PDB file of N, CA and C in Angstrom:
ATOM      1  N   MET A   1      -4.358  -1.362   5.458  1.00  0.00           N
ATOM      2  CA  MET A   1      -3.496  -1.259   4.316  1.00  0.00           C
ATOM      3  C   MET A   1      -2.497  -0.116   4.460  1.00  0.00           C
ATOM      4  N   ALA A   2      -2.992   1.046   4.821  1.00  0.00           N
ATOM      5  CA  ALA A   2      -2.082   2.182   4.972  1.00  0.00           C
ATOM      6  C   ALA A   2      -1.072   1.902   6.088  1.00  0.00           C
ATOM      7  N   LEU A   3      -1.502   1.217   7.118  1.00  0.00           N
ATOM      8  CA  LEU A   3      -0.591   0.860   8.206  1.00  0.00           C
ATOM      9  C   LEU A   3       0.475  -0.119   7.712  1.00  0.00           C
ATOM     10  N   SER A   4       0.087  -1.027   6.838  1.00  0.00           N
ATOM     11  CA  SER A   4       1.060  -1.956   6.244  1.00  0.00           C
ATOM     12  C   SER A   4       2.074  -1.203   5.394  1.00  0.00           C
ATOM     13  N   ALA A   5       1.604  -0.209   4.651  1.00  0.00           N
ATOM     14  CA  ALA A   5       2.511   0.609   3.835  1.00  0.00           C
ATOM     15  C   ALA A   5       3.472   1.387   4.735  1.00  0.00           C
ATOM     16  N   PHE A   6       2.962   1.902   5.848  1.00  0.00           N
ATOM     17  CA  PHE A   6       3.812   2.607   6.808  1.00  0.00           C
ATOM     18  C   PHE A   6       4.859   1.652   7.374  1.00  0.00           C
ATOM     19  N   ALA A   7       4.429   0.441   7.746  1.00  0.00           N
ATOM     20  CA  ALA A   7       5.362  -0.554   8.296  1.00  0.00           C
ATOM     21  C   ALA A   7       6.429  -0.915   7.270  1.00  0.00           C
ATOM     22  N   LEU A   8       6.033  -1.040   6.009  1.00  0.00           N
ATOM     23  CA  LEU A   8       6.995  -1.348   4.954  1.00  0.00           C
ATOM     24  C   LEU A   8       8.056  -0.254   4.850  1.00  0.00           C
ATOM     25  N   LEU A   9       7.619   0.997   4.902  1.00  0.00           N
ATOM     26  CA  LEU A   9       8.575   2.114   4.880  1.00  0.00           C
ATOM     27  C   LEU A   9       9.509   2.065   6.082  1.00  0.00           C
ATOM     28  N   GLU A  10       8.939   1.868   7.254  1.00  0.00           N
ATOM     29  CA  GLU A  10       9.729   1.893   8.488  1.00  0.00           C
ATOM     30  C   GLU A  10      10.716   0.733   8.566  1.00  0.00           C
ATOM     31  N   PHE A  11      10.277  -0.473   8.248  1.00  0.00           N
ATOM     32  CA  PHE A  11      11.195  -1.614   8.307  1.00  0.00           C
ATOM     33  C   PHE A  11      12.305  -1.494   7.270  1.00  0.00           C
ATOM     34  N   THR A  12      11.978  -0.944   6.112  1.00  0.00           N
ATOM     35  CA  THR A  12      13.002  -0.748   5.088  1.00  0.00           C
ATOM     36  C   THR A  12      14.040   0.258   5.569  1.00  0.00           C
ATOM     37  N   GLU A  13      13.595   1.312   6.210  1.00  0.00           N
ATOM     38  CA  GLU A  13      14.521   2.308   6.761  1.00  0.00           C
ATOM     39  C   GLU A  13      15.311   1.728   7.943  1.00  0.00           C
ATOM     40  N   LEU A  14      14.628   0.959   8.764  1.00  0.00           N
ATOM     41  CA  LEU A  14      15.241   0.393   9.963  1.00  0.00           C
ATOM     42  C   LEU A  14      16.374  -0.582   9.636  1.00  0.00           C
ATOM     43  N   LYS A  15      16.296  -1.245   8.484  1.00  0.00           N
ATOM     44  CA  LYS A  15      17.334  -2.233   8.161  1.00  0.00           C
ATOM     45  C   LYS A  15      18.704  -1.604   7.942  1.00  0.00           C
ATOM     46  N   LYS A  16      18.768  -0.273   7.855  1.00  0.00           N
ATOM     47  CA  LYS A  16      20.059   0.419   7.787  1.00  0.00           C
ATOM     48  C   LYS A  16      20.789   0.347   9.131  1.00  0.00           C
ATOM     49  N   TYR A  17      20.025   0.126  10.204  1.00  0.00           N
ATOM     50  CA  TYR A  17      20.585   0.207  11.557  1.00  0.00           C
ATOM     51  C   TYR A  17      20.585  -1.112  12.312  1.00  0.00           C
ATOM     52  N   VAL A  18      19.616  -1.973  12.030  1.00  0.00           N
ATOM     53  CA  VAL A  18      19.524  -3.263  12.716  1.00  0.00           C
ATOM     54  C   VAL A  18      19.163  -4.337  11.696  1.00  0.00           C
ATOM     55  N   ALA A  19      19.331  -5.573  12.096  1.00  0.00           N
ATOM     56  CA  ALA A  19      18.986  -6.686  11.213  1.00  0.00           C
ATOM     57  C   ALA A  19      17.473  -6.851  11.150  1.00  0.00           C
ATOM     58  N   VAL A  20      16.929  -6.728   9.959  1.00  0.00           N
ATOM     59  CA  VAL A  20      15.500  -6.934   9.730  1.00  0.00           C
ATOM     60  C   VAL A  20      15.384  -8.113   8.773  1.00  0.00           C
ATOM     61  N   ASP A  21      14.542  -9.048   9.122  1.00  0.00           N
ATOM     62  CA  ASP A  21      14.355 -10.226   8.293  1.00  0.00           C
ATOM     63  C   ASP A  21      13.804  -9.808   6.922  1.00  0.00           C
ATOM     64  N   PRO A  22      14.510 -10.097   5.845  1.00  0.00           N
ATOM     65  CA  PRO A  22      14.043  -9.729   4.505  1.00  0.00           C
ATOM     66  C   PRO A  22      12.689 -10.353   4.164  1.00  0.00           C
ATOM     67  N   LYS A  23      12.404 -11.494   4.796  1.00  0.00           N
ATOM     68  CA  LYS A  23      11.111 -12.158   4.569  1.00  0.00           C
ATOM     69  C   LYS A  23       9.960 -11.267   5.046  1.00  0.00           C
ATOM     70  N   LEU A  24      10.158 -10.557   6.139  1.00  0.00           N
ATOM     71  CA  LEU A  24       9.138  -9.651   6.658  1.00  0.00           C
ATOM     72  C   LEU A  24       8.827  -8.555   5.645  1.00  0.00           C
ATOM     73  N   ILE A  25       9.855  -7.968   5.083  1.00  0.00           N
ATOM     74  CA  ILE A  25       9.668  -6.904   4.096  1.00  0.00           C
ATOM     75  C   ILE A  25       8.989  -7.461   2.848  1.00  0.00           C
ATOM     76  N   GLN A  26       9.415  -8.636   2.401  1.00  0.00           N
ATOM     77  CA  GLN A  26       8.816  -9.251   1.211  1.00  0.00           C
ATOM     78  C   GLN A  26       7.341  -9.592   1.446  1.00  0.00           C
ATOM     79  N   GLU A  27       7.018 -10.084   2.628  1.00  0.00           N
ATOM     80  CA  GLU A  27       5.623 -10.426   2.925  1.00  0.00           C
ATOM     81  C   GLU A  27       4.744  -9.185   3.002  1.00  0.00           C
ATOM     82  N   LEU A  28       5.256  -8.108   3.566  1.00  0.00           N
ATOM     83  CA  LEU A  28       4.500  -6.853   3.576  1.00  0.00           C
ATOM     84  C   LEU A  28       4.255  -6.360   2.158  1.00  0.00           C
ATOM     85  N   TYR A  29       5.297  -6.384   1.348  1.00  0.00           N
ATOM     86  CA  TYR A  29       5.199  -5.958  -0.040  1.00  0.00           C
ATOM     87  C   TYR A  29       4.172  -6.815  -0.792  1.00  0.00           C
ATOM     88  N   SER A  30       4.239  -8.123  -0.616  1.00  0.00           N
ATOM     89  CA  SER A  30       3.302  -9.038  -1.287  1.00  0.00           C
ATOM     90  C   SER A  30       1.874  -8.814  -0.809  1.00  0.00           C
ATOM     91  N   PHE A  31       1.703  -8.588   0.485  1.00  0.00           N
ATOM     92  CA  PHE A  31       0.376  -8.341   1.039  1.00  0.00           C
ATOM     93  C   PHE A  31      -0.241  -7.085   0.429  1.00  0.00           C
ATOM     94  N   ILE A  32       0.555  -6.032   0.354  1.00  0.00           N
ATOM     95  CA  ILE A  32       0.055  -4.771  -0.197  1.00  0.00           C
ATOM     96  C   ILE A  32      -0.334  -4.945  -1.662  1.00  0.00           C
ATOM     97  N   LEU A  33       0.533  -5.558  -2.448  1.00  0.00           N
ATOM     98  CA  LEU A  33       0.238  -5.733  -3.869  1.00  0.00           C
ATOM     99  C   LEU A  33      -0.938  -6.675  -4.107  1.00  0.00           C
ATOM    100  N   ALA A  34      -1.169  -7.601  -3.200  1.00  0.00           N
ATOM    101  CA  ALA A  34      -2.305  -8.518  -3.327  1.00  0.00           C
ATOM    102  C   ALA A  34      -3.637  -7.785  -3.153  1.00  0.00           C
ATOM    103  N   LYS A  35      -3.598  -6.641  -2.531  1.00  0.00           N
ATOM    104  CA  LYS A  35      -4.822  -5.866  -2.295  1.00  0.00           C
ATOM    105  C   LYS A  35      -5.132  -4.891  -3.428  1.00  0.00           C
ATOM    106  N   LYS A  36      -4.295  -4.895  -4.473  1.00  0.00           N
ATOM    107  CA  LYS A  36      -4.537  -3.992  -5.601  1.00  0.00           C
ATOM    108  C   LYS A  36      -5.649  -4.573  -6.465  1.00  0.00           C
ATOM    109  N   ASN A  37      -6.662  -3.767  -6.733  1.00  0.00           N
ATOM    110  CA  ASN A  37      -7.781  -4.185  -7.568  1.00  0.00           C
ATOM    111  C   ASN A  37      -7.416  -4.114  -9.035  1.00  0.00           C
ATOM    112  N   GLU A  38      -8.267  -4.663  -9.874  1.00  0.00           N
ATOM    113  CA  GLU A  38      -8.031  -4.631 -11.315  1.00  0.00           C
ATOM    114  C   GLU A  38      -8.058  -3.211 -11.873  1.00  0.00           C
ATOM    115  N   ASN A  39      -8.662  -2.281 -11.152  1.00  0.00           N
ATOM    116  CA  ASN A  39      -8.694  -0.890 -11.606  1.00  0.00           C
ATOM    117  C   ASN A  39      -7.498  -0.076 -11.110  1.00  0.00           C
ATOM    118  N   GLY A  40      -6.555  -0.738 -10.433  1.00  0.00           N
ATOM    119  CA  GLY A  40      -5.344  -0.071  -9.989  1.00  0.00           C
ATOM    120  C   GLY A  40      -5.429   0.527  -8.602  1.00  0.00           C
ATOM    121  N   LEU A  41      -6.600   0.488  -7.994  1.00  0.00           N
ATOM    122  CA  LEU A  41      -6.755   1.015  -6.634  1.00  0.00           C
ATOM    123  C   LEU A  41      -6.471  -0.089  -5.629  1.00  0.00           C
ATOM    124  N   PHE A  42      -6.081   0.323  -4.447  1.00  0.00           N
ATOM    125  CA  PHE A  42      -5.886  -0.624  -3.357  1.00  0.00           C
ATOM    126  C   PHE A  42      -7.147  -0.622  -2.517  1.00  0.00           C
ATOM    127  N   GLU A  43      -7.580  -1.795  -2.112  1.00  0.00           N
ATOM    128  CA  GLU A  43      -8.800  -1.884  -1.316  1.00  0.00           C
ATOM    129  C   GLU A  43      -8.486  -1.450   0.111  1.00  0.00           C
ATOM    130  N   VAL A  44      -8.791  -0.215   0.400  1.00  0.00           N
ATOM    131  CA  VAL A  44      -8.478   0.355   1.712  1.00  0.00           C
ATOM    132  C   VAL A  44      -9.722   0.533   2.569  1.00  0.00           C
ATOM    133  N   ARG A  45     -10.874   0.256   1.970  1.00  0.00           N
ATOM    134  CA  ARG A  45     -12.107   0.432   2.738  1.00  0.00           C
ATOM    135  C   ARG A  45     -12.273  -0.695   3.739  1.00  0.00           C
ATOM    136  N   LYS A  46     -12.796  -0.357   4.874  1.00  0.00           N
ATOM    137  CA  LYS A  46     -13.120  -1.361   5.878  1.00  0.00           C
ATOM    138  C   LYS A  46     -14.366  -2.104   5.400  1.00  0.00           C
ATOM    139  N   GLN A  47     -14.626  -3.246   5.980  1.00  0.00           N
ATOM    140  CA  GLN A  47     -15.759  -4.049   5.548  1.00  0.00           C
ATOM    141  C   GLN A  47     -17.068  -3.255   5.623  1.00  0.00           C
ATOM    142  N   TYR A  48     -17.245  -2.470   6.675  1.00  0.00           N
ATOM    143  CA  TYR A  48     -18.472  -1.701   6.822  1.00  0.00           C
ATOM    144  C   TYR A  48     -18.528  -0.507   5.868  1.00  0.00           C
ATOM    145  N   GLU A  49     -17.416  -0.148   5.237  1.00  0.00           N
ATOM    146  CA  GLU A  49     -17.377   0.962   4.288  1.00  0.00           C
ATOM    147  C   GLU A  49     -17.516   0.499   2.840  1.00  0.00           C
ATOM    148  N   ALA A  50     -17.421  -0.797   2.591  1.00  0.00           N
ATOM    149  CA  ALA A  50     -17.320  -1.328   1.230  1.00  0.00           C
ATOM    150  C   ALA A  50     -18.515  -0.984   0.350  1.00  0.00           C
ATOM    151  N   LYS A  51     -19.668  -0.763   0.929  1.00  0.00           N
ATOM    152  CA  LYS A  51     -20.859  -0.449   0.130  1.00  0.00           C
ATOM    153  C   LYS A  51     -20.911   1.015  -0.280  1.00  0.00           C
ATOM    154  N   ASN A  52     -20.085   1.836   0.342  1.00  0.00           N
ATOM    155  CA  ASN A  52     -20.082   3.270   0.067  1.00  0.00           C
ATOM    156  C   ASN A  52     -19.080   3.600  -1.041  1.00  0.00           C
ATOM    157  N   ALA A  53     -19.330   4.704  -1.704  1.00  0.00           N
ATOM    158  CA  ALA A  53     -18.364   5.200  -2.696  1.00  0.00           C
ATOM    159  C   ALA A  53     -17.106   5.654  -1.958  1.00  0.00           C
ATOM    160  N   TYR A  54     -16.012   5.812  -2.681  1.00  0.00           N
ATOM    161  CA  TYR A  54     -14.773   6.272  -2.065  1.00  0.00           C
ATOM    162  C   TYR A  54     -14.928   7.702  -1.557  1.00  0.00           C
ATOM    163  N   SER A  55     -14.555   7.917  -0.318  1.00  0.00           N
ATOM    164  CA  SER A  55     -14.574   9.255   0.274  1.00  0.00           C
ATOM    165  C   SER A  55     -13.177   9.856   0.154  1.00  0.00           C
ATOM    166  N   GLU A  56     -13.042  11.119   0.529  1.00  0.00           N
ATOM    167  CA  GLU A  56     -11.715  11.751   0.505  1.00  0.00           C
ATOM    168  C   GLU A  56     -10.745  11.012   1.432  1.00  0.00           C
ATOM    169  N   HIS A  57     -11.244  10.546   2.556  1.00  0.00           N
ATOM    170  CA  HIS A  57     -10.403   9.823   3.505  1.00  0.00           C
ATOM    171  C   HIS A  57      -9.893   8.526   2.878  1.00  0.00           C
ATOM    172  N   MET A  58     -10.768   7.819   2.168  1.00  0.00           N
ATOM    173  CA  MET A  58     -10.358   6.574   1.528  1.00  0.00           C
ATOM    174  C   MET A  58      -9.358   6.837   0.410  1.00  0.00           C
ATOM    175  N   TRP A  59      -9.556   7.921  -0.331  1.00  0.00           N
ATOM    176  CA  TRP A  59      -8.602   8.277  -1.388  1.00  0.00           C
ATOM    177  C   TRP A  59      -7.245   8.604  -0.781  1.00  0.00           C
ATOM    178  N   SER A  60      -7.240   9.290   0.362  1.00  0.00           N
ATOM    179  CA  SER A  60      -5.956   9.653   0.976  1.00  0.00           C
ATOM    180  C   SER A  60      -5.210   8.407   1.439  1.00  0.00           C
ATOM    181  N   ARG A  61      -5.926   7.403   1.927  1.00  0.00           N
ATOM    182  CA  ARG A  61      -5.266   6.147   2.314  1.00  0.00           C
ATOM    183  C   ARG A  61      -4.662   5.472   1.090  1.00  0.00           C
ATOM    184  N   ASN A  62      -5.397   5.510  -0.026  1.00  0.00           N
ATOM    185  CA  ASN A  62      -4.901   4.926  -1.268  1.00  0.00           C
ATOM    186  C   ASN A  62      -3.649   5.655  -1.742  1.00  0.00           C
ATOM    187  N   MET A  63      -3.667   6.951  -1.671  1.00  0.00           N
ATOM    188  CA  MET A  63      -2.514   7.734  -2.118  1.00  0.00           C
ATOM    189  C   MET A  63      -1.313   7.519  -1.209  1.00  0.00           C
ATOM    190  N   TYR A  64      -1.538   7.292   0.077  1.00  0.00           N
ATOM    191  CA  TYR A  64      -0.419   7.025   0.978  1.00  0.00           C
ATOM    192  C   TYR A  64       0.280   5.729   0.591  1.00  0.00           C
ATOM    193  N   ILE A  65      -0.496   4.716   0.217  1.00  0.00           N
ATOM    194  CA  ILE A  65       0.098   3.450  -0.207  1.00  0.00           C
ATOM    195  C   ILE A  65       0.954   3.671  -1.446  1.00  0.00           C
ATOM    196  N   LEU A  66       0.448   4.428  -2.401  1.00  0.00           N
ATOM    197  CA  LEU A  66       1.224   4.738  -3.604  1.00  0.00           C
ATOM    198  C   LEU A  66       2.491   5.521  -3.253  1.00  0.00           C
ATOM    199  N   TYR A  67       2.367   6.451  -2.324  1.00  0.00           N
ATOM    200  CA  TYR A  67       3.531   7.220  -1.871  1.00  0.00           C
ATOM    201  C   TYR A  67       4.583   6.281  -1.288  1.00  0.00           C
ATOM    202  N   ALA A  68       4.156   5.379  -0.406  1.00  0.00           N
ATOM    203  CA  ALA A  68       5.099   4.468   0.245  1.00  0.00           C
ATOM    204  C   ALA A  68       5.811   3.597  -0.778  1.00  0.00           C
ATOM    205  N   LEU A  69       5.060   3.052  -1.732  1.00  0.00           N
ATOM    206  CA  LEU A  69       5.678   2.202  -2.749  1.00  0.00           C
ATOM    207  C   LEU A  69       6.636   2.992  -3.627  1.00  0.00           C
ATOM    208  N   SER A  70       6.258   4.212  -3.975  1.00  0.00           N
ATOM    209  CA  SER A  70       7.136   5.024  -4.825  1.00  0.00           C
ATOM    210  C   SER A  70       8.372   5.482  -4.055  1.00  0.00           C
ATOM    211  N   LYS A  71       8.231   5.754  -2.773  1.00  0.00           N
ATOM    212  CA  LYS A  71       9.359   6.155  -1.937  1.00  0.00           C
ATOM    213  C   LYS A  71      10.409   5.047  -1.866  1.00  0.00           C
ATOM    214  N   LEU A  72       9.936   3.817  -1.933  1.00  0.00           N
ATOM    215  CA  LEU A  72      10.845   2.675  -1.896  1.00  0.00           C
ATOM    216  C   LEU A  72      11.375   2.320  -3.274  1.00  0.00           C
ATOM    217  N   GLY A  73      10.947   3.070  -4.266  1.00  0.00           N
ATOM    218  CA  GLY A  73      11.444   2.824  -5.611  1.00  0.00           C
ATOM    219  C   GLY A  73      10.781   1.655  -6.302  1.00  0.00           C
ATOM    220  N   ILE A  74       9.659   1.229  -5.774  1.00  0.00           N
ATOM    221  CA  ILE A  74       8.943   0.105  -6.373  1.00  0.00           C
ATOM    222  C   ILE A  74       8.169   0.621  -7.572  1.00  0.00           C
ATOM    223  N   LYS A  75       8.465   0.059  -8.708  1.00  0.00           N
ATOM    224  CA  LYS A  75       7.803   0.496  -9.933  1.00  0.00           C
ATOM    225  C   LYS A  75       6.778  -0.550 -10.327  1.00  0.00           C
ATOM    226  N   MET A  76       5.590  -0.106 -10.592  1.00  0.00           N
ATOM    227  CA  MET A  76       4.559  -1.016 -11.062  1.00  0.00           C
ATOM    228  C   MET A  76       3.594  -0.259 -11.946  1.00  0.00           C
ATOM    229  N   LYS A  77       2.983  -0.966 -12.833  1.00  0.00           N
ATOM    230  CA  LYS A  77       2.021  -0.341 -13.725  1.00  0.00           C
ATOM    231  C   LYS A  77       0.678  -0.292 -13.030  1.00  0.00           C
ATOM    232  N   LEU A  78       0.105   0.884 -12.984  1.00  0.00           N
ATOM    233  CA  LEU A  78      -1.216   1.053 -12.402  1.00  0.00           C
ATOM    234  C   LEU A  78      -2.153   1.538 -13.491  1.00  0.00           C
ATOM    235  N   LYS A  79      -3.265   0.895 -13.563  1.00  0.00           N
ATOM    236  CA  LYS A  79      -4.259   1.348 -14.520  1.00  0.00           C
ATOM    237  C   LYS A  79      -4.914   2.599 -13.958  1.00  0.00           C
ATOM    238  N   ILE A  80      -5.201   3.530 -14.817  1.00  0.00           N
ATOM    239  CA  ILE A  80      -5.852   4.759 -14.396  1.00  0.00           C
ATOM    240  C   ILE A  80      -7.346   4.531 -14.385  1.00  0.00           C
ATOM    241  N   LEU A  81      -7.949   4.878 -13.275  1.00  0.00           N
ATOM    242  CA  LEU A  81      -9.401   4.713 -13.129  1.00  0.00           C
ATOM    243  C   LEU A  81     -10.083   5.786 -13.980  1.00  0.00           C
ATOM    244  N   THR A  82     -10.850   5.368 -14.922  1.00  0.00           N
ATOM    245  CA  THR A  82     -11.586   6.296 -15.766  1.00  0.00           C
ATOM    246  C   THR A  82     -13.055   5.968 -15.715  1.00  0.00           C
ATOM    247  N   LYS A  83     -13.837   6.967 -15.954  1.00  0.00           N
ATOM    248  CA  LYS A  83     -15.297   6.751 -15.949  1.00  0.00           C
ATOM    249  C   LYS A  83     -15.818   6.898 -17.349  1.00  0.00           C
TER     250      LYS A  83
END
């Protein structure tokens, strides 16, 4: 997921210099948003990590995705995870 967010940032920046298929950017964007859970988090855990609680590393991957989307000016409503 974080790699997809990085690719989305890079391809968006790259289109200033070369022709980038808009479909590629749209598919990356759709893929990332499809991974958003009902609690507003993105599922960044690997399959073998899914049984564990979120670690600092997993939170940082989640925050990177939010950073990438906000850097691109993508506005979306995220529910705040509360306990």
